C-alpha cells in the first residue's frame, strides 16, 4: 500500500460494467512530506470513499485487492483506493 494524492478525475460516458460502481481518479504517489514523488500518475478505482482532487488516499496496487474491494473477481484493474487519509505522522527517532 502507498499514500497518493488525487490529482485528477476521469469522466467516461460509457465504461465496462465492472467499473460502474466506482469513480475513476488520477492519483500520484507522495513522499513522507506529502509532495508528489516520481513522475508516474496512475488510474485508480474509488469504489466507495468519494475521494476528490487534492485528497490524500491509501492505494493498493494489486489485482487481488481490487477484486476484494470491488467484490468482483473479473475487474480488469490493478489500482484501488482503500481509504481517504486524514493525517499521518512519522516517528523521526527511528
N, C-alpha and C. Protein backbone atom coordinates (compact mmCIF):
# COMPACT_ATOMS: atom_id res chain seq x y z
N UNK A 1 0.85 -1.18 0.00
CA UNK A 1 0.00 0.00 0.00
C UNK A 1 0.89 1.24 0.00
N UNK A 2 0.40 2.28 -0.64
CA UNK A 2 1.12 3.53 -0.70
C UNK A 2 0.15 4.69 -0.49
N UNK A 3 0.70 5.84 -0.10
CA UNK A 3 -0.11 7.05 0.01
C UNK A 3 0.04 7.84 -1.28
N UNK A 4 -1.07 8.28 -1.82
CA UNK A 4 -1.09 9.07 -3.06
C UNK A 4 -1.95 10.30 -2.85
N UNK A 5 -1.79 11.26 -3.74
CA UNK A 5 -2.69 12.41 -3.78
C UNK A 5 -3.52 12.30 -5.05
N UNK A 6 -4.80 12.58 -4.93
CA UNK A 6 -5.67 12.60 -6.10
C UNK A 6 -5.36 13.88 -6.88
N UNK A 7 -4.96 13.71 -8.14
CA UNK A 7 -4.58 14.85 -8.96
C UNK A 7 -5.55 15.12 -10.11
N UNK A 8 -6.51 14.24 -10.31
CA UNK A 8 -7.47 14.46 -11.39
C UNK A 8 -8.58 13.44 -11.38
N UNK A 9 -9.54 13.65 -12.25
CA UNK A 9 -10.67 12.74 -12.40
C UNK A 9 -10.76 12.28 -13.84
N UNK A 10 -11.44 11.19 -14.04
CA UNK A 10 -11.68 10.67 -15.38
C UNK A 10 -13.19 10.55 -15.56
N UNK A 11 -13.71 11.19 -16.60
CA UNK A 11 -15.13 11.11 -16.91
C UNK A 11 -15.30 10.24 -18.14
N UNK A 12 -16.19 9.29 -18.07
CA UNK A 12 -16.43 8.38 -19.18
C UNK A 12 -17.93 8.23 -19.39
N UNK A 13 -18.36 8.50 -20.62
CA UNK A 13 -19.79 8.36 -20.91
C UNK A 13 -20.19 6.90 -21.01
N UNK A 14 -19.26 6.04 -21.40
CA UNK A 14 -19.51 4.60 -21.41
C UNK A 14 -18.29 3.92 -20.81
N UNK A 15 -18.53 2.89 -20.01
CA UNK A 15 -17.43 2.14 -19.43
C UNK A 15 -17.88 0.73 -19.12
N UNK A 16 -16.92 -0.13 -18.87
CA UNK A 16 -17.19 -1.52 -18.55
C UNK A 16 -18.14 -1.62 -17.36
N UNK A 17 -18.99 -2.60 -17.39
CA UNK A 17 -19.91 -2.85 -16.28
C UNK A 17 -19.16 -3.05 -14.97
N UNK A 18 -17.94 -3.59 -15.04
CA UNK A 18 -17.14 -3.84 -13.84
C UNK A 18 -16.77 -2.53 -13.14
N UNK A 19 -16.68 -1.44 -13.90
CA UNK A 19 -16.27 -0.15 -13.33
C UNK A 19 -17.45 0.70 -12.86
N UNK A 20 -18.66 0.34 -13.18
CA UNK A 20 -19.81 1.19 -12.86
C UNK A 20 -19.95 1.55 -11.39
N UNK A 21 -19.63 0.65 -10.45
CA UNK A 21 -19.79 1.02 -9.04
C UNK A 21 -18.71 1.97 -8.51
N UNK A 22 -17.74 2.34 -9.34
CA UNK A 22 -16.60 3.12 -8.85
C UNK A 22 -16.35 4.37 -9.68
N UNK A 23 -15.76 5.37 -9.00
CA UNK A 23 -15.24 6.54 -9.71
C UNK A 23 -13.84 6.20 -10.22
N UNK A 24 -13.45 6.82 -11.33
CA UNK A 24 -12.09 6.69 -11.83
C UNK A 24 -11.34 7.98 -11.50
N UNK A 25 -10.22 7.85 -10.80
CA UNK A 25 -9.45 9.02 -10.38
C UNK A 25 -7.99 8.86 -10.80
N UNK A 26 -7.34 9.99 -11.05
CA UNK A 26 -5.91 10.01 -11.31
C UNK A 26 -5.23 10.25 -9.97
N UNK A 27 -4.29 9.37 -9.60
CA UNK A 27 -3.56 9.50 -8.34
C UNK A 27 -2.06 9.51 -8.61
N UNK A 28 -1.32 10.13 -7.70
CA UNK A 28 0.13 10.22 -7.84
C UNK A 28 0.76 9.93 -6.48
N UNK A 29 1.75 9.03 -6.42
CA UNK A 29 2.42 8.75 -5.15
C UNK A 29 3.03 10.00 -4.54
N UNK A 30 3.08 10.04 -3.21
CA UNK A 30 3.70 11.16 -2.50
C UNK A 30 4.78 10.64 -1.57
N UNK A 31 5.71 11.53 -1.21
CA UNK A 31 6.73 11.17 -0.23
C UNK A 31 6.17 11.39 1.17
N UNK A 32 7.00 11.19 2.18
CA UNK A 32 6.52 11.29 3.56
C UNK A 32 6.14 12.70 3.98
N UNK A 33 6.56 13.71 3.20
CA UNK A 33 6.16 15.09 3.49
C UNK A 33 4.89 15.49 2.73
N UNK A 34 4.40 14.60 1.87
CA UNK A 34 3.18 14.88 1.13
C UNK A 34 3.41 15.49 -0.24
N UNK A 35 4.67 15.59 -0.68
CA UNK A 35 4.98 16.13 -2.01
C UNK A 35 4.94 15.01 -3.04
N UNK A 36 4.53 15.36 -4.26
CA UNK A 36 4.49 14.36 -5.33
C UNK A 36 5.85 13.72 -5.48
N UNK A 37 5.87 12.41 -5.66
CA UNK A 37 7.10 11.64 -5.72
C UNK A 37 7.14 10.87 -7.03
N UNK A 38 8.14 11.13 -7.84
CA UNK A 38 8.26 10.44 -9.12
C UNK A 38 7.44 11.13 -10.19
N UNK A 39 7.37 10.48 -11.34
CA UNK A 39 6.70 11.08 -12.49
C UNK A 39 5.46 10.32 -12.95
N UNK A 40 5.15 9.21 -12.31
CA UNK A 40 4.08 8.34 -12.81
C UNK A 40 2.75 8.57 -12.11
N UNK A 41 1.75 8.99 -12.90
CA UNK A 41 0.37 9.01 -12.44
C UNK A 41 -0.22 7.62 -12.63
N UNK A 42 -1.27 7.31 -11.89
CA UNK A 42 -1.97 6.04 -12.04
C UNK A 42 -3.47 6.30 -12.07
N UNK A 43 -4.20 5.45 -12.74
CA UNK A 43 -5.66 5.48 -12.67
C UNK A 43 -6.08 4.53 -11.56
N UNK A 44 -6.94 5.01 -10.69
CA UNK A 44 -7.39 4.19 -9.56
C UNK A 44 -8.90 4.18 -9.49
N UNK A 45 -9.43 3.05 -9.07
CA UNK A 45 -10.86 2.93 -8.81
C UNK A 45 -11.15 3.38 -7.39
N UNK A 46 -12.19 4.19 -7.23
CA UNK A 46 -12.65 4.62 -5.91
C UNK A 46 -14.06 4.07 -5.75
N UNK A 47 -14.19 2.89 -5.12
CA UNK A 47 -15.49 2.22 -5.08
C UNK A 47 -16.48 2.81 -4.09
N UNK A 48 -16.00 3.51 -3.03
CA UNK A 48 -16.97 3.96 -2.04
C UNK A 48 -16.49 5.08 -1.14
N UNK A 49 -15.34 5.64 -1.39
CA UNK A 49 -14.78 6.61 -0.44
C UNK A 49 -14.99 8.06 -0.85
N UNK A 50 -15.46 8.28 -2.06
CA UNK A 50 -15.79 9.62 -2.56
C UNK A 50 -14.61 10.60 -2.43
N UNK A 51 -13.41 10.11 -2.76
CA UNK A 51 -12.23 10.98 -2.74
C UNK A 51 -12.34 12.00 -3.86
N UNK A 52 -11.67 13.13 -3.67
CA UNK A 52 -11.68 14.18 -4.68
C UNK A 52 -10.28 14.74 -4.88
N UNK A 53 -10.15 15.59 -5.88
CA UNK A 53 -8.87 16.20 -6.20
C UNK A 53 -8.31 16.90 -4.97
N UNK A 54 -7.04 16.63 -4.68
CA UNK A 54 -6.37 17.21 -3.51
C UNK A 54 -6.35 16.30 -2.30
N UNK A 55 -7.22 15.29 -2.26
CA UNK A 55 -7.24 14.37 -1.13
C UNK A 55 -6.04 13.44 -1.17
N UNK A 56 -5.56 13.06 0.01
CA UNK A 56 -4.56 12.01 0.13
C UNK A 56 -5.32 10.71 0.34
N UNK A 57 -4.90 9.66 -0.35
CA UNK A 57 -5.61 8.38 -0.30
C UNK A 57 -4.63 7.24 -0.10
N UNK A 58 -5.10 6.17 0.51
CA UNK A 58 -4.34 4.95 0.65
C UNK A 58 -4.67 4.06 -0.54
N UNK A 59 -3.64 3.63 -1.26
CA UNK A 59 -3.83 2.92 -2.52
C UNK A 59 -3.16 1.56 -2.47
N UNK A 60 -3.83 0.55 -3.02
CA UNK A 60 -3.23 -0.77 -3.22
C UNK A 60 -3.03 -0.96 -4.71
N UNK A 61 -1.88 -1.53 -5.07
CA UNK A 61 -1.57 -1.75 -6.48
C UNK A 61 -1.44 -3.24 -6.76
N UNK A 62 -2.50 -3.96 -6.56
CA UNK A 62 -2.50 -5.37 -6.90
C UNK A 62 -3.93 -5.82 -7.22
N UNK A 63 -4.04 -6.68 -8.19
CA UNK A 63 -5.34 -7.12 -8.67
C UNK A 63 -6.21 -7.78 -7.62
N UNK A 64 -5.60 -8.56 -6.74
CA UNK A 64 -6.38 -9.25 -5.71
C UNK A 64 -7.08 -8.26 -4.78
N UNK A 65 -6.41 -7.17 -4.43
CA UNK A 65 -7.03 -6.14 -3.58
C UNK A 65 -8.21 -5.51 -4.30
N UNK A 66 -8.05 -5.25 -5.60
CA UNK A 66 -9.15 -4.68 -6.39
C UNK A 66 -10.34 -5.63 -6.36
N UNK A 67 -10.09 -6.90 -6.58
CA UNK A 67 -11.17 -7.88 -6.60
C UNK A 67 -11.90 -7.93 -5.26
N UNK A 68 -11.15 -7.87 -4.17
CA UNK A 68 -11.78 -7.95 -2.85
C UNK A 68 -12.59 -6.70 -2.54
N UNK A 69 -12.05 -5.53 -2.83
CA UNK A 69 -12.76 -4.29 -2.52
C UNK A 69 -13.97 -4.11 -3.43
N UNK A 70 -13.81 -4.45 -4.69
CA UNK A 70 -14.91 -4.30 -5.65
C UNK A 70 -15.89 -5.47 -5.58
N UNK A 71 -15.53 -6.53 -4.83
CA UNK A 71 -16.36 -7.73 -4.72
C UNK A 71 -16.71 -8.31 -6.09
N UNK A 72 -15.68 -8.35 -6.97
CA UNK A 72 -15.86 -8.83 -8.33
C UNK A 72 -14.53 -9.40 -8.80
N UNK A 73 -14.48 -10.71 -9.02
CA UNK A 73 -13.23 -11.37 -9.41
C UNK A 73 -12.81 -11.04 -10.83
N UNK A 74 -13.68 -10.43 -11.63
CA UNK A 74 -13.37 -10.17 -13.03
C UNK A 74 -13.04 -8.72 -13.34
N UNK A 75 -12.78 -7.89 -12.33
CA UNK A 75 -12.47 -6.48 -12.56
C UNK A 75 -11.11 -6.37 -13.23
N UNK A 76 -11.05 -5.77 -14.43
CA UNK A 76 -9.79 -5.66 -15.15
C UNK A 76 -9.00 -4.41 -14.72
N UNK A 77 -8.55 -4.39 -13.46
CA UNK A 77 -7.81 -3.24 -12.93
C UNK A 77 -6.85 -3.73 -11.87
N UNK A 78 -5.86 -2.89 -11.55
CA UNK A 78 -4.91 -3.29 -10.51
C UNK A 78 -4.57 -2.17 -9.52
N UNK A 79 -5.33 -1.06 -9.54
CA UNK A 79 -5.10 0.02 -8.58
C UNK A 79 -6.45 0.40 -7.97
N UNK A 80 -6.52 0.38 -6.63
CA UNK A 80 -7.78 0.69 -5.97
C UNK A 80 -7.51 1.55 -4.74
N UNK A 81 -8.42 2.47 -4.48
CA UNK A 81 -8.34 3.31 -3.30
C UNK A 81 -8.99 2.57 -2.14
N UNK A 82 -8.26 2.48 -1.02
CA UNK A 82 -8.74 1.76 0.16
C UNK A 82 -9.28 2.69 1.23
N UNK A 83 -8.98 3.99 1.12
CA UNK A 83 -9.48 4.94 2.10
C UNK A 83 -8.89 6.32 1.87
N UNK A 84 -9.52 7.32 2.47
CA UNK A 84 -9.03 8.69 2.44
C UNK A 84 -8.21 8.91 3.71
N UNK A 85 -7.01 9.47 3.55
CA UNK A 85 -6.10 9.70 4.67
C UNK A 85 -6.37 11.09 5.24
N UNK A 86 -6.71 11.16 6.51
CA UNK A 86 -6.93 12.46 7.16
C UNK A 86 -5.61 13.09 7.57
N UNK A 87 -4.71 12.29 8.11
CA UNK A 87 -3.40 12.80 8.50
C UNK A 87 -2.48 11.61 8.73
N UNK A 88 -1.16 11.88 8.76
CA UNK A 88 -0.20 10.86 9.14
C UNK A 88 0.97 11.53 9.84
N UNK A 89 1.69 10.73 10.62
CA UNK A 89 2.87 11.23 11.31
C UNK A 89 3.98 10.18 11.21
N UNK A 90 5.20 10.66 11.28
CA UNK A 90 6.36 9.80 11.17
C UNK A 90 7.19 9.94 12.44
N UNK A 91 7.58 8.82 13.03
CA UNK A 91 8.44 8.83 14.20
C UNK A 91 9.86 9.07 13.72
N UNK A 92 10.39 10.26 13.92
CA UNK A 92 11.70 10.63 13.40
C UNK A 92 12.85 10.04 14.20
N UNK A 93 12.59 9.32 15.27
CA UNK A 93 13.66 8.75 16.08
C UNK A 93 14.12 7.41 15.56
N UNK A 94 13.42 6.83 14.58
CA UNK A 94 13.82 5.52 14.02
C UNK A 94 14.49 5.71 12.69
